[in-house]
Amino acid sequence: MPRFEEIIKRAEGLGLPIAHNEFTDTKKNPAPDPPFLCWLSDERTSGPDNKIKIRTVDGALELYTDRRDDPELEKRIEEEVFFDTEYEKQQGLIRSENMVQTAYMFSVVEKIRREIKNNE
């Protein structure tokens, strides 16, 4: 299973505009026209001892397209970004923006080894 950061790098490799959470629309840097991607994440760590921690990242990669879905672009995301990762896919119309959102929700679980210092 890939690390969360690797999945985001794959999404960046698609060549679409991409932002964490949302694009900030300013005069100098206007928000892009669709299609574009946004990614979100929640992270938690746990571990019963000082040697190994478990990092769980629940992520979402959201594709925004103009007026209707884009099956070819969705296929690229599924084959190039999530080819080795389980995901749940949901799609909805955003009427006020005249866009379609296709969201891919996924979770990544990693073991993180903690280096023990001699005095611990």
PDB file of N, CA and C in Angstrom:
ATOM      1  N   MET A   1       0.847  -1.182   0.000  1.00  0.00           N
ATOM      2  CA  MET A   1       0.000   0.000   0.000  1.00  0.00           C
ATOM      3  C   MET A   1       0.891   1.245   0.000  1.00  0.00           C
ATOM      4  N   PRO A   2       0.594   2.180  -0.851  1.00  0.00           N
ATOM      5  CA  PRO A   2       1.425   3.394  -0.926  1.00  0.00           C
ATOM      6  C   PRO A   2       1.172   4.321   0.262  1.00  0.00           C
ATOM      7  N   ARG A   3       2.125   5.184   0.518  1.00  0.00           N
ATOM      8  CA  ARG A   3       1.954   6.225   1.529  1.00  0.00           C
ATOM      9  C   ARG A   3       0.986   7.284   0.984  1.00  0.00           C
ATOM     10  N   PHE A   4       0.367   8.024   1.879  1.00  0.00           N
ATOM     11  CA  PHE A   4      -0.580   9.067   1.489  1.00  0.00           C
ATOM     12  C   PHE A   4       0.080  10.068   0.544  1.00  0.00           C
ATOM     13  N   GLU A   5       1.291  10.495   0.877  1.00  0.00           N
ATOM     14  CA  GLU A   5       1.996  11.483   0.069  1.00  0.00           C
ATOM     15  C   GLU A   5       2.248  10.988  -1.353  1.00  0.00           C
ATOM     16  N   GLU A   6       2.451   9.687  -1.509  1.00  0.00           N
ATOM     17  CA  GLU A   6       2.656   9.116  -2.845  1.00  0.00           C
ATOM     18  C   GLU A   6       1.375   9.211  -3.682  1.00  0.00           C
ATOM     19  N   ILE A   7       0.241   8.993  -3.065  1.00  0.00           N
ATOM     20  CA  ILE A   7      -1.025   9.103  -3.784  1.00  0.00           C
ATOM     21  C   ILE A   7      -1.225  10.535  -4.281  1.00  0.00           C
ATOM     22  N   ILE A   8      -0.896  11.516  -3.447  1.00  0.00           N
ATOM     23  CA  ILE A   8      -1.040  12.915  -3.854  1.00  0.00           C
ATOM     24  C   ILE A   8      -0.067  13.232  -4.996  1.00  0.00           C
ATOM     25  N   LYS A   9       1.151  12.705  -4.944  1.00  0.00           N
ATOM     26  CA  LYS A   9       2.123  12.923  -6.036  1.00  0.00           C
ATOM     27  C   LYS A   9       1.594  12.338  -7.352  1.00  0.00           C
ATOM     28  N   ARG A  10       0.976  11.169  -7.274  1.00  0.00           N
ATOM     29  CA  ARG A  10       0.391  10.575  -8.477  1.00  0.00           C
ATOM     30  C   ARG A  10      -0.695  11.487  -9.046  1.00  0.00           C
ATOM     31  N   ALA A  11      -1.527  12.041  -8.156  1.00  0.00           N
ATOM     32  CA  ALA A  11      -2.601  12.940  -8.603  1.00  0.00           C
ATOM     33  C   ALA A  11      -2.003  14.186  -9.252  1.00  0.00           C
ATOM     34  N   GLU A  12      -0.927  14.711  -8.687  1.00  0.00           N
ATOM     35  CA  GLU A  12      -0.248  15.868  -9.276  1.00  0.00           C
ATOM     36  C   GLU A  12       0.270  15.537 -10.672  1.00  0.00           C
ATOM     37  N   GLY A  13       0.667  14.292 -10.876  1.00  0.00           N
ATOM     38  CA  GLY A  13       1.191  13.845 -12.160  1.00  0.00           C
ATOM     39  C   GLY A  13       0.155  13.802 -13.275  1.00  0.00           C
ATOM     40  N   LEU A  14      -1.115  13.943 -12.945  1.00  0.00           N
ATOM     41  CA  LEU A  14      -2.158  13.953 -13.975  1.00  0.00           C
ATOM     42  C   LEU A  14      -2.130  15.232 -14.803  1.00  0.00           C
ATOM     43  N   GLY A  15      -1.481  16.278 -14.272  1.00  0.00           N
ATOM     44  CA  GLY A  15      -1.371  17.532 -15.023  1.00  0.00           C
ATOM     45  C   GLY A  15      -2.546  18.486 -14.851  1.00  0.00           C
ATOM     46  N   LEU A  16      -3.451  18.193 -13.929  1.00  0.00           N
ATOM     47  CA  LEU A  16      -4.572  19.087 -13.655  1.00  0.00           C
ATOM     48  C   LEU A  16      -4.193  20.039 -12.522  1.00  0.00           C
ATOM     49  N   PRO A  17      -4.805  21.217 -12.460  1.00  0.00           N
ATOM     50  CA  PRO A  17      -4.599  22.064 -11.285  1.00  0.00           C
ATOM     51  C   PRO A  17      -5.045  21.290 -10.042  1.00  0.00           C
ATOM     52  N   ILE A  18      -4.282  21.400  -8.956  1.00  0.00           N
ATOM     53  CA  ILE A  18      -4.598  20.665  -7.730  1.00  0.00           C
ATOM     54  C   ILE A  18      -4.287  21.540  -6.531  1.00  0.00           C
ATOM     55  N   ALA A  19      -5.135  21.447  -5.501  1.00  0.00           N
ATOM     56  CA  ALA A  19      -4.948  22.247  -4.294  1.00  0.00           C
ATOM     57  C   ALA A  19      -5.338  21.436  -3.071  1.00  0.00           C
ATOM     58  N   HIS A  20      -4.744  21.783  -1.935  1.00  0.00           N
ATOM     59  CA  HIS A  20      -5.134  21.203  -0.658  1.00  0.00           C
ATOM     60  C   HIS A  20      -6.362  21.957  -0.149  1.00  0.00           C
ATOM     61  N   ASN A  21      -7.436  21.285   0.064  1.00  0.00           N
ATOM     62  CA  ASN A  21      -8.728  21.806   0.523  1.00  0.00           C
ATOM     63  C   ASN A  21      -9.475  22.600  -0.537  1.00  0.00           C
ATOM     64  N   GLU A  22      -8.903  23.722  -1.014  1.00  0.00           N
ATOM     65  CA  GLU A  22      -9.613  24.555  -1.984  1.00  0.00           C
ATOM     66  C   GLU A  22      -8.637  25.514  -2.648  1.00  0.00           C
ATOM     67  N   PHE A  23      -9.060  26.068  -3.767  1.00  0.00           N
ATOM     68  CA  PHE A  23      -8.294  27.121  -4.424  1.00  0.00           C
ATOM     69  C   PHE A  23      -8.726  28.456  -3.833  1.00  0.00           C
ATOM     70  N   THR A  24      -7.770  29.322  -3.604  1.00  0.00           N
ATOM     71  CA  THR A  24      -8.066  30.674  -3.143  1.00  0.00           C
ATOM     72  C   THR A  24      -8.107  31.574  -4.364  1.00  0.00           C
ATOM     73  N   ASP A  25      -9.235  32.186  -4.592  1.00  0.00           N
ATOM     74  CA  ASP A  25      -9.438  33.012  -5.779  1.00  0.00           C
ATOM     75  C   ASP A  25      -9.024  34.456  -5.480  1.00  0.00           C
ATOM     76  N   THR A  26      -7.938  34.901  -6.109  1.00  0.00           N
ATOM     77  CA  THR A  26      -7.481  36.286  -5.956  1.00  0.00           C
ATOM     78  C   THR A  26      -7.272  36.892  -7.342  1.00  0.00           C
ATOM     79  N   LYS A  27      -7.083  38.218  -7.390  1.00  0.00           N
ATOM     80  CA  LYS A  27      -6.842  38.866  -8.685  1.00  0.00           C
ATOM     81  C   LYS A  27      -5.548  38.372  -9.307  1.00  0.00           C
ATOM     82  N   LYS A  28      -4.519  38.203  -8.492  1.00  0.00           N
ATOM     83  CA  LYS A  28      -3.224  37.754  -9.015  1.00  0.00           C
ATOM     84  C   LYS A  28      -3.212  36.257  -9.328  1.00  0.00           C
ATOM     85  N   ASN A  29      -4.030  35.505  -8.621  1.00  0.00           N
ATOM     86  CA  ASN A  29      -4.036  34.061  -8.789  1.00  0.00           C
ATOM     87  C   ASN A  29      -5.482  33.555  -8.795  1.00  0.00           C
ATOM     88  N   PRO A  30      -6.185  33.698  -9.920  1.00  0.00           N
ATOM     89  CA  PRO A  30      -7.588  33.269  -9.962  1.00  0.00           C
ATOM     90  C   PRO A  30      -7.725  31.750  -9.889  1.00  0.00           C
ATOM     91  N   ALA A  31      -8.843  31.311  -9.364  1.00  0.00           N
ATOM     92  CA  ALA A  31      -9.122  29.875  -9.315  1.00  0.00           C
ATOM     93  C   ALA A  31      -9.214  29.347 -10.745  1.00  0.00           C
ATOM     94  N   PRO A  32      -8.759  28.106 -10.965  1.00  0.00           N
ATOM     95  CA  PRO A  32      -8.788  27.567 -12.326  1.00  0.00           C
ATOM     96  C   PRO A  32     -10.197  27.177 -12.763  1.00  0.00           C
ATOM     97  N   ASP A  33     -10.372  27.121 -14.063  1.00  0.00           N
ATOM     98  CA  ASP A  33     -11.600  26.568 -14.615  1.00  0.00           C
ATOM     99  C   ASP A  33     -11.527  25.048 -14.512  1.00  0.00           C
ATOM    100  N   PRO A  34     -12.675  24.365 -14.424  1.00  0.00           N
ATOM    101  CA  PRO A  34     -12.664  22.903 -14.381  1.00  0.00           C
ATOM    102  C   PRO A  34     -12.136  22.331 -15.693  1.00  0.00           C
ATOM    103  N   PRO A  35     -11.557  21.163 -15.686  1.00  0.00           N
ATOM    104  CA  PRO A  35     -11.459  20.270 -14.540  1.00  0.00           C
ATOM    105  C   PRO A  35     -10.274  20.625 -13.632  1.00  0.00           C
ATOM    106  N   PHE A  36     -10.464  20.362 -12.341  1.00  0.00           N
ATOM    107  CA  PHE A  36      -9.390  20.518 -11.369  1.00  0.00           C
ATOM    108  C   PHE A  36      -9.619  19.556 -10.217  1.00  0.00           C
ATOM    109  N   LEU A  37      -8.589  19.414  -9.373  1.00  0.00           N
ATOM    110  CA  LEU A  37      -8.619  18.490  -8.246  1.00  0.00           C
ATOM    111  C   LEU A  37      -8.396  19.243  -6.938  1.00  0.00           C
ATOM    112  N   CYS A  38      -9.012  18.748  -5.880  1.00  0.00           N
ATOM    113  CA  CYS A  38      -8.712  19.183  -4.514  1.00  0.00           C
ATOM    114  C   CYS A  38      -8.541  17.926  -3.671  1.00  0.00           C
ATOM    115  N   TRP A  39      -7.629  17.990  -2.723  1.00  0.00           N
ATOM    116  CA  TRP A  39      -7.460  16.858  -1.817  1.00  0.00           C
ATOM    117  C   TRP A  39      -7.615  17.317  -0.372  1.00  0.00           C
ATOM    118  N   LEU A  40      -8.140  16.417   0.445  1.00  0.00           N
ATOM    119  CA  LEU A  40      -8.382  16.681   1.855  1.00  0.00           C
ATOM    120  C   LEU A  40      -7.860  15.493   2.652  1.00  0.00           C
ATOM    121  N   SER A  41      -7.559  15.728   3.927  1.00  0.00           N
ATOM    122  CA  SER A  41      -7.092  14.621   4.741  1.00  0.00           C
ATOM    123  C   SER A  41      -7.365  14.855   6.218  1.00  0.00           C
ATOM    124  N   ASP A  42      -7.557  13.767   6.929  1.00  0.00           N
ATOM    125  CA  ASP A  42      -7.612  13.719   8.389  1.00  0.00           C
ATOM    126  C   ASP A  42      -6.614  12.659   8.804  1.00  0.00           C
ATOM    127  N   GLU A  43      -5.861  12.945   9.847  1.00  0.00           N
ATOM    128  CA  GLU A  43      -4.805  12.015  10.263  1.00  0.00           C
ATOM    129  C   GLU A  43      -4.910  11.743  11.752  1.00  0.00           C
ATOM    130  N   ARG A  44      -4.640  10.500  12.105  1.00  0.00           N
ATOM    131  CA  ARG A  44      -4.543  10.144  13.516  1.00  0.00           C
ATOM    132  C   ARG A  44      -3.409   9.145  13.692  1.00  0.00           C
ATOM    133  N   THR A  45      -2.787   9.188  14.839  1.00  0.00           N
ATOM    134  CA  THR A  45      -1.730   8.243  15.152  1.00  0.00           C
ATOM    135  C   THR A  45      -2.088   7.533  16.447  1.00  0.00           C
ATOM    136  N   SER A  46      -1.640   6.309  16.548  1.00  0.00           N
ATOM    137  CA  SER A  46      -1.847   5.530  17.762  1.00  0.00           C
ATOM    138  C   SER A  46      -0.665   4.595  17.903  1.00  0.00           C
ATOM    139  N   GLY A  47      -0.531   4.014  19.053  1.00  0.00           N
ATOM    140  CA  GLY A  47       0.546   3.064  19.280  1.00  0.00           C
ATOM    141  C   GLY A  47       0.678   2.783  20.757  1.00  0.00           C
ATOM    142  N   PRO A  48       0.642   1.503  21.116  1.00  0.00           N
ATOM    143  CA  PRO A  48       0.681   1.154  22.540  1.00  0.00           C
ATOM    144  C   PRO A  48       2.065   1.236  23.177  1.00  0.00           C
ATOM    145  N   ASP A  49       3.093   1.364  22.368  1.00  0.00           N
ATOM    146  CA  ASP A  49       4.435   1.412  22.952  1.00  0.00           C
ATOM    147  C   ASP A  49       5.250   2.527  22.308  1.00  0.00           C
ATOM    148  N   ASN A  50       6.477   2.650  22.720  1.00  0.00           N
ATOM    149  CA  ASN A  50       7.344   3.712  22.208  1.00  0.00           C
ATOM    150  C   ASN A  50       8.121   3.302  20.964  1.00  0.00           C
ATOM    151  N   LYS A  51       7.909   2.098  20.449  1.00  0.00           N
ATOM    152  CA  LYS A  51       8.696   1.616  19.317  1.00  0.00           C
ATOM    153  C   LYS A  51       7.992   1.803  17.980  1.00  0.00           C
ATOM    154  N   ILE A  52       6.695   1.540  17.944  1.00  0.00           N
ATOM    155  CA  ILE A  52       5.961   1.613  16.678  1.00  0.00           C
ATOM    156  C   ILE A  52       4.702   2.435  16.888  1.00  0.00           C
ATOM    157  N   LYS A  53       4.461   3.322  15.958  1.00  0.00           N
ATOM    158  CA  LYS A  53       3.212   4.076  15.944  1.00  0.00           C
ATOM    159  C   LYS A  53       2.464   3.697  14.671  1.00  0.00           C
ATOM    160  N   ILE A  54       1.164   3.782  14.727  1.00  0.00           N
ATOM    161  CA  ILE A  54       0.324   3.524  13.569  1.00  0.00           C
ATOM    162  C   ILE A  54      -0.238   4.873  13.120  1.00  0.00           C
ATOM    163  N   ARG A  55       0.001   5.218  11.859  1.00  0.00           N
ATOM    164  CA  ARG A  55      -0.520   6.459  11.273  1.00  0.00           C
ATOM    165  C   ARG A  55      -1.635   6.078  10.313  1.00  0.00           C
ATOM    166  N   THR A  56      -2.813   6.618  10.554  1.00  0.00           N
ATOM    167  CA  THR A  56      -3.948   6.387   9.669  1.00  0.00           C
ATOM    168  C   THR A  56      -4.348   7.726   9.055  1.00  0.00           C
ATOM    169  N   VAL A  57      -4.374   7.769   7.731  1.00  0.00           N
ATOM    170  CA  VAL A  57      -4.786   8.975   7.025  1.00  0.00           C
ATOM    171  C   VAL A  57      -6.033   8.634   6.224  1.00  0.00           C
ATOM    172  N   ASP A  58      -7.114   9.341   6.524  1.00  0.00           N
ATOM    173  CA  ASP A  58      -8.332   9.238   5.736  1.00  0.00           C
ATOM    174  C   ASP A  58      -8.303  10.407   4.761  1.00  0.00           C
ATOM    175  N   GLY A  59      -8.292  10.097   3.485  1.00  0.00           N
ATOM    176  CA  GLY A  59      -8.149  11.133   2.474  1.00  0.00           C
ATOM    177  C   GLY A  59      -9.292  11.130   1.483  1.00  0.00           C
ATOM    178  N   ALA A  60      -9.380  12.232   0.769  1.00  0.00           N
ATOM    179  CA  ALA A  60     -10.335  12.346  -0.333  1.00  0.00           C
ATOM    180  C   ALA A  60      -9.670  13.119  -1.458  1.00  0.00           C
ATOM    181  N   LEU A  61      -9.838  12.626  -2.648  1.00  0.00           N
ATOM    182  CA  LEU A  61      -9.403  13.325  -3.853  1.00  0.00           C
ATOM    183  C   LEU A  61     -10.676  13.653  -4.613  1.00  0.00           C
ATOM    184  N   GLU A  62     -10.901  14.946  -4.828  1.00  0.00           N
ATOM    185  CA  GLU A  62     -12.139  15.388  -5.456  1.00  0.00           C
ATOM    186  C   GLU A  62     -11.851  15.964  -6.842  1.00  0.00           C
ATOM    187  N   LEU A  63     -12.543  15.443  -7.823  1.00  0.00           N
ATOM    188  CA  LEU A  63     -12.458  15.922  -9.199  1.00  0.00           C
ATOM    189  C   LEU A  63     -13.677  16.795  -9.463  1.00  0.00           C
ATOM    190  N   TYR A  64     -13.432  18.003  -9.951  1.00  0.00           N
ATOM    191  CA  TYR A  64     -14.508  18.919 -10.316  1.00  0.00           C
ATOM    192  C   TYR A  64     -14.484  19.103 -11.839  1.00  0.00           C
ATOM    193  N   THR A  65     -15.628  18.840 -12.466  1.00  0.00           N
ATOM    194  CA  THR A  65     -15.740  18.983 -13.912  1.00  0.00           C
ATOM    195  C   THR A  65     -16.898  19.927 -14.243  1.00  0.00           C
ATOM    196  N   ASP A  66     -16.865  20.463 -15.438  1.00  0.00           N
ATOM    197  CA  ASP A  66     -17.823  21.464 -15.888  1.00  0.00           C
ATOM    198  C   ASP A  66     -19.075  20.787 -16.439  1.00  0.00           C
ATOM    199  N   ARG A  67     -20.202  20.985 -15.802  1.00  0.00           N
ATOM    200  CA  ARG A  67     -21.541  20.588 -16.249  1.00  0.00           C
ATOM    201  C   ARG A  67     -21.862  19.095 -16.171  1.00  0.00           C
ATOM    202  N   ARG A  68     -20.910  18.230 -16.505  1.00  0.00           N
ATOM    203  CA  ARG A  68     -21.206  16.790 -16.496  1.00  0.00           C
ATOM    204  C   ARG A  68     -19.942  16.015 -16.106  1.00  0.00           C
ATOM    205  N   ASP A  69     -20.163  14.749 -15.823  1.00  0.00           N
ATOM    206  CA  ASP A  69     -19.019  13.909 -15.444  1.00  0.00           C
ATOM    207  C   ASP A  69     -18.110  13.676 -16.646  1.00  0.00           C
ATOM    208  N   ASP A  70     -16.905  13.200 -16.370  1.00  0.00           N
ATOM    209  CA  ASP A  70     -15.901  12.954 -17.414  1.00  0.00           C
ATOM    210  C   ASP A  70     -15.353  11.543 -17.221  1.00  0.00           C
ATOM    211  N   PRO A  71     -16.020  10.537 -17.810  1.00  0.00           N
ATOM    212  CA  PRO A  71     -15.608   9.147 -17.606  1.00  0.00           C
ATOM    213  C   PRO A  71     -14.154   8.865 -17.996  1.00  0.00           C
ATOM    214  N   GLU A  72     -13.647   9.516 -19.023  1.00  0.00           N
ATOM    215  CA  GLU A  72     -12.255   9.277 -19.431  1.00  0.00           C
ATOM    216  C   GLU A  72     -11.281   9.780 -18.372  1.00  0.00           C
ATOM    217  N   LEU A  73     -11.544  10.937 -17.812  1.00  0.00           N
ATOM    218  CA  LEU A  73     -10.689  11.487 -16.761  1.00  0.00           C
ATOM    219  C   LEU A  73     -10.805  10.650 -15.478  1.00  0.00           C
ATOM    220  N   GLU A  74     -12.002  10.205 -15.164  1.00  0.00           N
ATOM    221  CA  GLU A  74     -12.198   9.333 -14.008  1.00  0.00           C
ATOM    222  C   GLU A  74     -11.400   8.039 -14.182  1.00  0.00           C
ATOM    223  N   LYS A  75     -11.407   7.494 -15.385  1.00  0.00           N
ATOM    224  CA  LYS A  75     -10.655   6.263 -15.655  1.00  0.00           C
ATOM    225  C   LYS A  75      -9.159   6.495 -15.448  1.00  0.00           C
ATOM    226  N   ARG A  76      -8.653   7.657 -15.888  1.00  0.00           N
ATOM    227  CA  ARG A  76      -7.233   7.979 -15.671  1.00  0.00           C
ATOM    228  C   ARG A  76      -6.911   8.035 -14.176  1.00  0.00           C
ATOM    229  N   ILE A  77      -7.774   8.679 -13.403  1.00  0.00           N
ATOM    230  CA  ILE A  77      -7.550   8.764 -11.952  1.00  0.00           C
ATOM    231  C   ILE A  77      -7.521   7.360 -11.348  1.00  0.00           C
ATOM    232  N   GLU A  78      -8.471   6.547 -11.717  1.00  0.00           N
ATOM    233  CA  GLU A  78      -8.565   5.201 -11.160  1.00  0.00           C
ATOM    234  C   GLU A  78      -7.374   4.336 -11.562  1.00  0.00           C
ATOM    235  N   GLU A  79      -6.875   4.492 -12.795  1.00  0.00           N
ATOM    236  CA  GLU A  79      -5.756   3.664 -13.268  1.00  0.00           C
ATOM    237  C   GLU A  79      -4.388   4.219 -12.887  1.00  0.00           C
ATOM    238  N   GLU A  80      -4.240   5.551 -12.794  1.00  0.00           N
ATOM    239  CA  GLU A  80      -2.930   6.144 -12.542  1.00  0.00           C
ATOM    240  C   GLU A  80      -2.709   6.543 -11.078  1.00  0.00           C
ATOM    241  N   VAL A  81      -3.774   6.792 -10.344  1.00  0.00           N
ATOM    242  CA  VAL A  81      -3.627   7.224  -8.953  1.00  0.00           C
ATOM    243  C   VAL A  81      -3.971   6.096  -7.986  1.00  0.00           C
ATOM    244  N   PHE A  82      -5.080   5.420  -8.212  1.00  0.00           N
ATOM    245  CA  PHE A  82      -5.585   4.438  -7.249  1.00  0.00           C
ATOM    246  C   PHE A  82      -5.426   2.988  -7.696  1.00  0.00           C
ATOM    247  N   PHE A  83      -4.483   2.707  -8.579  1.00  0.00           N
ATOM    248  CA  PHE A  83      -4.349   1.354  -9.120  1.00  0.00           C
ATOM    249  C   PHE A  83      -4.024   0.311  -8.053  1.00  0.00           C
ATOM    250  N   ASP A  84      -3.470   0.706  -6.915  1.00  0.00           N
ATOM    251  CA  ASP A  84      -3.127  -0.246  -5.857  1.00  0.00           C
ATOM    252  C   ASP A  84      -3.728   0.149  -4.505  1.00  0.00           C
ATOM    253  N   THR A  85      -4.797   0.934  -4.546  1.00  0.00           N
ATOM    254  CA  THR A  85      -5.405   1.452  -3.326  1.00  0.00           C
ATOM    255  C   THR A  85      -6.920   1.284  -3.395  1.00  0.00           C
ATOM    256  N   GLU A  86      -7.503   0.799  -2.302  1.00  0.00           N
ATOM    257  CA  GLU A  86      -8.960   0.703  -2.242  1.00  0.00           C
ATOM    258  C   GLU A  86      -9.542   2.093  -2.067  1.00  0.00           C
ATOM    259  N   TYR A  87     -10.678   2.329  -2.700  1.00  0.00           N
ATOM    260  CA  TYR A  87     -11.331   3.626  -2.582  1.00  0.00           C
ATOM    261  C   TYR A  87     -12.835   3.459  -2.700  1.00  0.00           C
ATOM    262  N   GLU A  88     -13.546   4.471  -2.253  1.00  0.00           N
ATOM    263  CA  GLU A  88     -14.977   4.562  -2.447  1.00  0.00           C
ATOM    264  C   GLU A  88     -15.219   5.787  -3.312  1.00  0.00           C
ATOM    265  N   LYS A  89     -16.069   5.657  -4.297  1.00  0.00           N
ATOM    266  CA  LYS A  89     -16.310   6.747  -5.245  1.00  0.00           C
ATOM    267  C   LYS A  89     -17.744   7.229  -5.111  1.00  0.00           C
ATOM    268  N   GLN A  90     -17.900   8.557  -5.013  1.00  0.00           N
ATOM    269  CA  GLN A  90     -19.231   9.168  -4.973  1.00  0.00           C
ATOM    270  C   GLN A  90     -19.256  10.324  -5.952  1.00  0.00           C
ATOM    271  N   GLN A  91     -20.412  10.551  -6.513  1.00  0.00           N
ATOM    272  CA  GLN A  91     -20.533  11.635  -7.496  1.00  0.00           C
ATOM    273  C   GLN A  91     -21.795  12.444  -7.210  1.00  0.00           C
ATOM    274  N   GLY A  92     -21.666  13.748  -7.358  1.00  0.00           N
ATOM    275  CA  GLY A  92     -22.817  14.610  -7.121  1.00  0.00           C
ATOM    276  C   GLY A  92     -22.750  15.869  -7.961  1.00  0.00           C
ATOM    277  N   LEU A  93     -23.902  16.437  -8.222  1.00  0.00           N
ATOM    278  CA  LEU A  93     -24.027  17.662  -8.989  1.00  0.00           C
ATOM    279  C   LEU A  93     -24.009  18.853  -8.027  1.00  0.00           C
ATOM    280  N   ILE A  94     -23.223  19.866  -8.353  1.00  0.00           N
ATOM    281  CA  ILE A  94     -23.222  21.116  -7.597  1.00  0.00           C
ATOM    282  C   ILE A  94     -23.944  22.131  -8.484  1.00  0.00           C
ATOM    283  N   ARG A  95     -25.229  22.236  -8.311  1.00  0.00           N
ATOM    284  CA  ARG A  95     -26.064  23.059  -9.188  1.00  0.00           C
ATOM    285  C   ARG A  95     -25.664  24.528  -9.168  1.00  0.00           C
ATOM    286  N   SER A  96     -25.347  25.062  -7.994  1.00  0.00           N
ATOM    287  CA  SER A  96     -25.028  26.489  -7.887  1.00  0.00           C
ATOM    288  C   SER A  96     -23.773  26.863  -8.663  1.00  0.00           C
ATOM    289  N   GLU A  97     -22.881  25.893  -8.899  1.00  0.00           N
ATOM    290  CA  GLU A  97     -21.633  26.144  -9.625  1.00  0.00           C
ATOM    291  C   GLU A  97     -21.651  25.545 -11.026  1.00  0.00           C
ATOM    292  N   ASN A  98     -22.736  24.825 -11.364  1.00  0.00           N
ATOM    293  CA  ASN A  98     -22.841  24.160 -12.656  1.00  0.00           C
ATOM    294  C   ASN A  98     -21.668  23.206 -12.880  1.00  0.00           C
ATOM    295  N   MET A  99     -21.345  22.435 -11.810  1.00  0.00           N
ATOM    296  CA  MET A  99     -20.229  21.485 -11.850  1.00  0.00           C
ATOM    297  C   MET A  99     -20.678  20.131 -11.312  1.00  0.00           C
ATOM    298  N   VAL A 100     -19.863  19.133 -11.610  1.00  0.00           N
ATOM    299  CA  VAL A 100     -20.025  17.803 -11.043  1.00  0.00           C
ATOM    300  C   VAL A 100     -18.793  17.510 -10.202  1.00  0.00           C
ATOM    301  N   GLN A 101     -19.021  16.997  -9.000  1.00  0.00           N
ATOM    302  CA  GLN A 101     -17.928  16.582  -8.118  1.00  0.00           C
ATOM    303  C   GLN A 101     -17.903  15.062  -8.082  1.00  0.00           C
ATOM    304  N   THR A 102     -16.735  14.503  -8.370  1.00  0.00           N
ATOM    305  CA  THR A 102     -16.512  13.073  -8.228  1.00  0.00           C
ATOM    306  C   THR A 102     -15.466  12.915  -7.141  1.00  0.00           C
ATOM    307  N   ALA A 103     -15.866  12.311  -6.016  1.00  0.00           N
ATOM    308  CA  ALA A 103     -14.979  12.196  -4.859  1.00  0.00           C
ATOM    309  C   ALA A 103     -14.519  10.753  -4.688  1.00  0.00           C
ATOM    310  N   TYR A 104     -13.227  10.608  -4.466  1.00  0.00           N
ATOM    311  CA  TYR A 104     -12.611   9.320  -4.178  1.00  0.00           C
ATOM    312  C   TYR A 104     -12.149   9.355  -2.722  1.00  0.00           C
ATOM    313  N   MET A 105     -12.780   8.568  -1.854  1.00  0.00           N
ATOM    314  CA  MET A 105     -12.394   8.493  -0.455  1.00  0.00           C
ATOM    315  C   MET A 105     -11.549   7.239  -0.239  1.00  0.00           C
ATOM    316  N   PHE A 106     -10.481   7.397   0.518  1.00  0.00           N
ATOM    317  CA  PHE A 106      -9.562   6.283   0.739  1.00  0.00           C
ATOM    318  C   PHE A 106      -8.894   6.424   2.099  1.00  0.00           C
ATOM    319  N   SER A 107      -8.335   5.338   2.602  1.00  0.00           N
ATOM    320  CA  SER A 107      -7.588   5.347   3.861  1.00  0.00           C
ATOM    321  C   SER A 107      -6.251   4.672   3.650  1.00  0.00           C
ATOM    322  N   VAL A 108      -5.235   5.224   4.299  1.00  0.00           N
ATOM    323  CA  VAL A 108      -3.894   4.659   4.244  1.00  0.00           C
ATOM    324  C   VAL A 108      -3.447   4.430   5.687  1.00  0.00           C
ATOM    325  N   VAL A 109      -2.971   3.225   5.980  1.00  0.00           N
ATOM    326  CA  VAL A 109      -2.482   2.889   7.309  1.00  0.00           C
ATOM    327  C   VAL A 109      -1.002   2.562   7.187  1.00  0.00           C
ATOM    328  N   GLU A 110      -0.178   3.213   8.016  1.00  0.00           N
ATOM    329  CA  GLU A 110       1.271   3.019   7.958  1.00  0.00           C
ATOM    330  C   GLU A 110       1.812   2.721   9.344  1.00  0.00           C
ATOM    331  N   LYS A 111       2.814   1.866   9.391  1.00  0.00           N
ATOM    332  CA  LYS A 111       3.567   1.657  10.624  1.00  0.00           C
ATOM    333  C   LYS A 111       4.769   2.595  10.594  1.00  0.00           C
ATOM    334  N   ILE A 112       4.960   3.311  11.679  1.00  0.00           N
ATOM    335  CA  ILE A 112       6.097   4.222  11.772  1.00  0.00           C
ATOM    336  C   ILE A 112       6.972   3.748  12.925  1.00  0.00           C
ATOM    337  N   ARG A 113       8.183   3.352  12.593  1.00  0.00           N
ATOM    338  CA  ARG A 113       9.118   2.921  13.643  1.00  0.00           C
ATOM    339  C   ARG A 113       9.761   4.131  14.282  1.00  0.00           C
ATOM    340  N   ARG A 114       9.778   4.128  15.577  1.00  0.00           N
ATOM    341  CA  ARG A 114      10.412   5.208  16.320  1.00  0.00           C
ATOM    342  C   ARG A 114      11.797   4.747  16.730  1.00  0.00           C
ATOM    343  N   GLU A 115      12.790   5.581  16.443  1.00  0.00           N
ATOM    344  CA  GLU A 115      14.151   5.234  16.845  1.00  0.00           C
ATOM    345  C   GLU A 115      14.292   5.459  18.334  1.00  0.00           C
ATOM    346  N   ILE A 116      14.750   4.445  19.027  1.00  0.00           N
ATOM    347  CA  ILE A 116      14.934   4.502  20.484  1.00  0.00           C
ATOM    348  C   ILE A 116      16.356   4.995  20.765  1.00  0.00           C
ATOM    349  N   LYS A 117      16.440   6.017  21.590  1.00  0.00           N
ATOM    350  CA  LYS A 117      17.760   6.526  21.994  1.00  0.00           C
ATOM    351  C   LYS A 117      18.273   5.662  23.136  1.00  0.00           C
ATOM    352  N   ASN A 118      19.582   5.645  23.298  1.00  0.00           N
ATOM    353  CA  ASN A 118      20.201   4.781  24.306  1.00  0.00           C
ATOM    354  C   ASN A 118      19.685   5.019  25.715  1.00  0.00           C
ATOM    355  N   ASN A 119      19.321   6.241  26.083  1.00  0.00           N
ATOM    356  CA  ASN A 119      18.878   6.516  27.436  1.00  0.00           C
ATOM    357  C   ASN A 119      17.380   6.252  27.644  1.00  0.00           C
ATOM    358  N   GLU A 120      16.695   5.727  26.671  1.00  0.00           N
ATOM    359  CA  GLU A 120      15.255   5.440  26.827  1.00  0.00           C
ATOM    360  C   GLU A 120      15.050   4.010  27.234  1.00  0.00           C
TER     361      GLU A 120
END
